[in-house]
Amino acid sequence: MRDTVWIYPGSFDPLTYGHIDIIKRAAAMCGKLIVGVLSNTEKSPLFSIDERVNMINKAFDGTDNIEVKCFSGLQVDFYRQEHADAVVRGIRNAADYEYELTIGRTNQMLDPDFEIVLLLNDRRYSYVSSSSVRTLASYGGDISSFVPPFIADMIKEKYKERYNEQQD
């Protein structure tokens, strides 16, 4: 499996310890892991695409077999473009499984060679999502258990006015 290329697509807005867990474990199982940062024009992200790419690069600085790339459009097209052997996805709960099964089967209808590797998240992060981190941070909550310190600082900067109001 050391010759394989896997992709791990997502919005990573922001990158969480749950994502980091999946990235580390997947990178240990394949030759090269491409973290695909989705540029989704239907959503209003907290971080720009460049900020998200930079935070992932910083989190994995010095890891030789992890590459970060942007993509837009269909996951299956990114899979083909990168000549990937599999797409890796993290599963936190039954709802994630159902969602990933549906998306995976749809992609397999578009490309019969589309392969999916599902990894169970570490139970410590089974409830962590980017959206819950953003929500918690927007109310000034402590996010230190969910994201690395440098990302927590970036998030606090985005919500600076709200943090300042709560300290007054």
C-alpha atoms as a PDB file:
ATOM      1  CA  MET A   1       0.000   0.000   0.000  1.00  0.00           C
ATOM      2  CA  ARG A   2       3.026   2.279   0.145  1.00  0.00           C
ATOM      3  CA  ASP A   3       2.643   3.140  -3.572  1.00  0.00           C
ATOM      4  CA  THR A   4      -0.944   4.268  -3.083  1.00  0.00           C
ATOM      5  CA  VAL A   5      -2.397   7.744  -3.291  1.00  0.00           C
ATOM      6  CA  TRP A   6      -5.363   8.496  -1.079  1.00  0.00           C
ATOM      7  CA  ILE A   7      -7.306  11.715  -0.865  1.00  0.00           C
ATOM      8  CA  TYR A   8      -9.033  13.097   2.198  1.00  0.00           C
ATOM      9  CA  PRO A   9     -11.489  15.738   0.989  1.00  0.00           C
ATOM     10  CA  GLY A  10     -13.279  18.239   3.186  1.00  0.00           C
ATOM     11  CA  SER A  11     -13.899  21.870   3.951  1.00  0.00           C
ATOM     12  CA  PHE A  12     -11.685  21.899   7.085  1.00  0.00           C
ATOM     13  CA  ASP A  13     -13.260  25.155   8.271  1.00  0.00           C
ATOM     14  CA  PRO A  14     -11.473  24.924  10.689  1.00  0.00           C
ATOM     15  CA  LEU A  15      -9.150  21.924  10.925  1.00  0.00           C
ATOM     16  CA  THR A  16      -9.975  20.043  14.153  1.00  0.00           C
ATOM     17  CA  TYR A  17      -8.256  17.378  16.223  1.00  0.00           C
ATOM     18  CA  GLY A  18     -10.737  14.923  14.662  1.00  0.00           C
ATOM     19  CA  HIS A  19      -9.416  15.783  11.186  1.00  0.00           C
ATOM     20  CA  ILE A  20      -5.836  15.594  12.427  1.00  0.00           C
ATOM     21  CA  ASP A  21      -6.482  12.119  13.838  1.00  0.00           C
ATOM     22  CA  ILE A  22      -7.780  10.852  10.476  1.00  0.00           C
ATOM     23  CA  ILE A  23      -4.988  12.551   8.500  1.00  0.00           C
ATOM     24  CA  LYS A  24      -2.234  11.037  10.671  1.00  0.00           C
ATOM     25  CA  ARG A  25      -3.700   7.552  10.572  1.00  0.00           C
ATOM     26  CA  ALA A  26      -4.465   7.620   6.845  1.00  0.00           C
ATOM     27  CA  ALA A  27      -0.991   8.961   6.002  1.00  0.00           C
ATOM     28  CA  ALA A  28       0.520   6.025   7.893  1.00  0.00           C
ATOM     29  CA  MET A  29      -1.452   3.579   5.723  1.00  0.00           C
ATOM     30  CA  CYS A  30      -0.776   4.942   2.246  1.00  0.00           C
ATOM     31  CA  GLY A  31       2.143   6.175   0.199  1.00  0.00           C
ATOM     32  CA  LYS A  32       0.808   9.694  -0.249  1.00  0.00           C
ATOM     33  CA  LEU A  33      -2.189  11.432   1.284  1.00  0.00           C
ATOM     34  CA  ILE A  34      -3.626  14.439  -0.503  1.00  0.00           C
ATOM     35  CA  VAL A  35      -5.756  16.572   1.794  1.00  0.00           C
ATOM     36  CA  GLY A  36      -8.238  18.146  -0.600  1.00  0.00           C
ATOM     37  CA  VAL A  37      -9.618  21.452   0.667  1.00  0.00           C
ATOM     38  CA  LEU A  38     -13.018  22.011  -0.890  1.00  0.00           C
ATOM     39  CA  SER A  39     -13.861  25.436  -2.214  1.00  0.00           C
ATOM     40  CA  ASN A  40     -17.646  25.407  -1.939  1.00  0.00           C
ATOM     41  CA  THR A  41     -19.305  28.519  -3.340  1.00  0.00           C
ATOM     42  CA  GLU A  42     -22.606  27.547  -1.692  1.00  0.00           C
ATOM     43  CA  LYS A  43     -21.198  28.070   1.803  1.00  0.00           C
ATOM     44  CA  SER A  44     -19.791  31.105   3.591  1.00  0.00           C
ATOM     45  CA  PRO A  45     -16.650  29.776   5.261  1.00  0.00           C
ATOM     46  CA  LEU A  46     -15.076  31.356   8.321  1.00  0.00           C
ATOM     47  CA  PHE A  47     -11.631  30.972   6.727  1.00  0.00           C
ATOM     48  CA  SER A  48     -10.583  31.600   3.154  1.00  0.00           C
ATOM     49  CA  ILE A  49      -9.337  28.692   1.085  1.00  0.00           C
ATOM     50  CA  ASP A  50      -5.756  29.970   1.464  1.00  0.00           C
ATOM     51  CA  GLU A  51      -6.111  30.232   5.252  1.00  0.00           C
ATOM     52  CA  ARG A  52      -7.422  26.651   5.440  1.00  0.00           C
ATOM     53  CA  VAL A  53      -4.612  25.324   3.239  1.00  0.00           C
ATOM     54  CA  ASN A  54      -2.052  27.200   5.359  1.00  0.00           C
ATOM     55  CA  MET A  55      -3.445  25.866   8.661  1.00  0.00           C
ATOM     56  CA  ILE A  56      -3.258  22.270   7.394  1.00  0.00           C
ATOM     57  CA  ASN A  57       0.253  22.792   6.030  1.00  0.00           C
ATOM     58  CA  LYS A  58       1.335  24.254   9.373  1.00  0.00           C
ATOM     59  CA  ALA A  59      -0.219  21.376  11.324  1.00  0.00           C
ATOM     60  CA  PHE A  60       1.668  18.826   9.203  1.00  0.00           C
ATOM     61  CA  ASP A  61       4.884  20.712   8.498  1.00  0.00           C
ATOM     62  CA  GLY A  62       7.663  18.204   7.982  1.00  0.00           C
ATOM     63  CA  THR A  63       5.395  15.278   7.109  1.00  0.00           C
ATOM     64  CA  ASP A  64       6.727  14.057   3.776  1.00  0.00           C
ATOM     65  CA  ASN A  65       3.773  12.097   2.457  1.00  0.00           C
ATOM     66  CA  ILE A  66       1.028  14.679   3.077  1.00  0.00           C
ATOM     67  CA  GLU A  67       0.172  17.213   0.400  1.00  0.00           C
ATOM     68  CA  VAL A  68      -2.551  19.851   0.593  1.00  0.00           C
ATOM     69  CA  LYS A  69      -4.464  20.913  -2.511  1.00  0.00           C
ATOM     70  CA  CYS A  70      -7.584  22.945  -3.245  1.00  0.00           C
ATOM     71  CA  PHE A  71     -10.413  21.633  -5.351  1.00  0.00           C
ATOM     72  CA  SER A  72     -13.943  22.524  -6.316  1.00  0.00           C
ATOM     73  CA  GLY A  73     -16.688  20.490  -7.855  1.00  0.00           C
ATOM     74  CA  LEU A  74     -17.256  16.791  -7.538  1.00  0.00           C
ATOM     75  CA  GLN A  75     -15.177  14.587  -5.272  1.00  0.00           C
ATOM     76  CA  VAL A  76     -15.044  11.921  -7.989  1.00  0.00           C
ATOM     77  CA  ASP A  77     -13.503  14.412 -10.424  1.00  0.00           C
ATOM     78  CA  PHE A  78     -10.800  15.330  -7.892  1.00  0.00           C
ATOM     79  CA  TYR A  79     -10.227  11.590  -7.342  1.00  0.00           C
ATOM     80  CA  ARG A  80      -9.694  11.072 -11.076  1.00  0.00           C
ATOM     81  CA  GLN A  81      -7.563  14.215 -11.449  1.00  0.00           C
ATOM     82  CA  GLU A  82      -5.172  13.031  -8.730  1.00  0.00           C
ATOM     83  CA  HIS A  83      -5.118   9.424  -9.989  1.00  0.00           C
ATOM     84  CA  ALA A  84      -6.075   8.396  -6.474  1.00  0.00           C
ATOM     85  CA  ASP A  85      -6.447   4.835  -5.316  1.00  0.00           C
ATOM     86  CA  ALA A  86      -8.963   5.657  -2.582  1.00  0.00           C
ATOM     87  CA  VAL A  87     -10.826   8.377  -0.756  1.00  0.00           C
ATOM     88  CA  VAL A  88     -10.547   8.253   3.010  1.00  0.00           C
ATOM     89  CA  ARG A  89     -13.358   9.472   5.241  1.00  0.00           C
ATOM     90  CA  GLY A  90     -13.738   9.646   8.998  1.00  0.00           C
ATOM     91  CA  ILE A  91     -16.779   8.159  10.687  1.00  0.00           C
ATOM     92  CA  ARG A  92     -17.879   9.574  14.050  1.00  0.00           C
ATOM     93  CA  ASN A  93     -21.307   7.974  14.340  1.00  0.00           C
ATOM     94  CA  ALA A  94     -24.113   6.171  12.509  1.00  0.00           C
ATOM     95  CA  ALA A  95     -25.272   9.381  10.810  1.00  0.00           C
ATOM     96  CA  ASP A  96     -21.793   9.884   9.325  1.00  0.00           C
ATOM     97  CA  TYR A  97     -21.816   6.292   8.105  1.00  0.00           C
ATOM     98  CA  GLU A  98     -25.163   6.727   6.354  1.00  0.00           C
ATOM     99  CA  TYR A  99     -24.019   9.986   4.762  1.00  0.00           C
ATOM    100  CA  GLU A 100     -20.660   8.608   3.594  1.00  0.00           C
ATOM    101  CA  LEU A 101     -22.299   5.429   2.288  1.00  0.00           C
ATOM    102  CA  THR A 102     -24.707   7.488   0.164  1.00  0.00           C
ATOM    103  CA  ILE A 103     -21.980   9.793  -1.181  1.00  0.00           C
ATOM    104  CA  GLY A 104     -19.617   6.870  -1.758  1.00  0.00           C
ATOM    105  CA  ARG A 105     -22.178   4.813  -3.657  1.00  0.00           C
ATOM    106  CA  THR A 106     -23.079   7.837  -5.789  1.00  0.00           C
ATOM    107  CA  ASN A 107     -19.412   8.338  -6.644  1.00  0.00           C
ATOM    108  CA  GLN A 108     -19.115   4.638  -7.489  1.00  0.00           C
ATOM    109  CA  MET A 109     -22.002   5.037  -9.928  1.00  0.00           C
ATOM    110  CA  LEU A 110     -20.014   7.832 -11.617  1.00  0.00           C
ATOM    111  CA  ASP A 111     -16.751   5.889 -11.541  1.00  0.00           C
ATOM    112  CA  PRO A 112     -16.816   2.132 -10.837  1.00  0.00           C
ATOM    113  CA  ASP A 113     -13.138   2.290  -9.783  1.00  0.00           C
ATOM    114  CA  PHE A 114     -13.906   4.761  -6.973  1.00  0.00           C
ATOM    115  CA  GLU A 115     -12.710   3.230  -3.693  1.00  0.00           C
ATOM    116  CA  ILE A 116     -13.578   4.386  -0.186  1.00  0.00           C
ATOM    117  CA  VAL A 117     -11.668   3.793   3.036  1.00  0.00           C
ATOM    118  CA  LEU A 118     -13.738   4.532   6.138  1.00  0.00           C
ATOM    119  CA  LEU A 119     -11.822   5.144   9.361  1.00  0.00           C
ATOM    120  CA  LEU A 120     -13.520   5.308  12.727  1.00  0.00           C
ATOM    121  CA  ASN A 121     -12.596   8.499  14.512  1.00  0.00           C
ATOM    122  CA  ASP A 122     -10.837   8.312  17.835  1.00  0.00           C
ATOM    123  CA  ARG A 123     -13.660   8.292  20.397  1.00  0.00           C
ATOM    124  CA  ARG A 124     -12.229  11.431  22.012  1.00  0.00           C
ATOM    125  CA  TYR A 125     -13.282  13.327  18.876  1.00  0.00           C
ATOM    126  CA  SER A 126     -16.520  11.516  18.064  1.00  0.00           C
ATOM    127  CA  TYR A 127     -18.567  14.646  18.758  1.00  0.00           C
ATOM    128  CA  VAL A 128     -16.181  17.255  17.315  1.00  0.00           C
ATOM    129  CA  SER A 129     -17.136  18.968  14.078  1.00  0.00           C
ATOM    130  CA  SER A 130     -15.956  22.157  12.423  1.00  0.00           C
ATOM    131  CA  SER A 131     -19.428  23.639  12.688  1.00  0.00           C
ATOM    132  CA  SER A 132     -19.644  22.921  16.443  1.00  0.00           C
ATOM    133  CA  VAL A 133     -16.214  24.522  16.928  1.00  0.00           C
ATOM    134  CA  ARG A 134     -17.317  27.629  14.996  1.00  0.00           C
ATOM    135  CA  THR A 135     -20.542  27.863  16.989  1.00  0.00           C
ATOM    136  CA  LEU A 136     -18.792  27.441  20.328  1.00  0.00           C
ATOM    137  CA  ALA A 137     -16.134  29.984  19.359  1.00  0.00           C
ATOM    138  CA  SER A 138     -18.717  32.493  18.158  1.00  0.00           C
ATOM    139  CA  TYR A 139     -20.091  32.605  21.725  1.00  0.00           C
ATOM    140  CA  GLY A 140     -16.643  32.881  23.275  1.00  0.00           C
ATOM    141  CA  GLY A 141     -16.504  29.263  24.441  1.00  0.00           C
ATOM    142  CA  ASP A 142     -13.309  27.366  25.177  1.00  0.00           C
ATOM    143  CA  ILE A 143     -12.260  25.518  22.018  1.00  0.00           C
ATOM    144  CA  SER A 144      -8.829  24.403  23.237  1.00  0.00           C
ATOM    145  CA  SER A 145      -9.908  20.735  23.417  1.00  0.00           C
ATOM    146  CA  PHE A 146     -11.021  20.732  19.786  1.00  0.00           C
ATOM    147  CA  VAL A 147      -8.269  22.493  17.797  1.00  0.00           C
ATOM    148  CA  PRO A 148      -4.520  23.110  18.094  1.00  0.00           C
ATOM    149  CA  PRO A 149      -3.521  26.355  19.865  1.00  0.00           C
ATOM    150  CA  PHE A 150      -2.483  28.188  16.690  1.00  0.00           C
ATOM    151  CA  ILE A 151      -5.881  27.438  15.114  1.00  0.00           C
ATOM    152  CA  ALA A 152      -7.684  28.513  18.295  1.00  0.00           C
ATOM    153  CA  ASP A 153      -5.817  31.827  18.011  1.00  0.00           C
ATOM    154  CA  MET A 154      -6.856  32.183  14.365  1.00  0.00           C
ATOM    155  CA  ILE A 155     -10.488  31.511  15.288  1.00  0.00           C
ATOM    156  CA  LYS A 156     -10.407  33.956  18.191  1.00  0.00           C
ATOM    157  CA  GLU A 157      -9.057  36.595  15.815  1.00  0.00           C
ATOM    158  CA  LYS A 158     -12.055  36.007  13.529  1.00  0.00           C
ATOM    159  CA  TYR A 159     -14.416  36.472  16.474  1.00  0.00           C
ATOM    160  CA  LYS A 160     -12.299  39.149  18.162  1.00  0.00           C
ATOM    161  CA  GLU A 161     -15.145  41.618  18.668  1.00  0.00           C
ATOM    162  CA  ARG A 162     -17.315  38.992  20.377  1.00  0.00           C
ATOM    163  CA  TYR A 163     -14.451  37.868  22.642  1.00  0.00           C
ATOM    164  CA  ASN A 164     -13.743  41.467  23.629  1.00  0.00           C
ATOM    165  CA  GLU A 165     -17.429  42.128  24.379  1.00  0.00           C
ATOM    166  CA  GLN A 166     -17.631  39.092  26.685  1.00  0.00           C
ATOM    167  CA  GLN A 167     -14.548  40.125  28.638  1.00  0.00           C
ATOM    168  CA  ASP A 168     -15.993  43.594  29.380  1.00  0.00           C
END
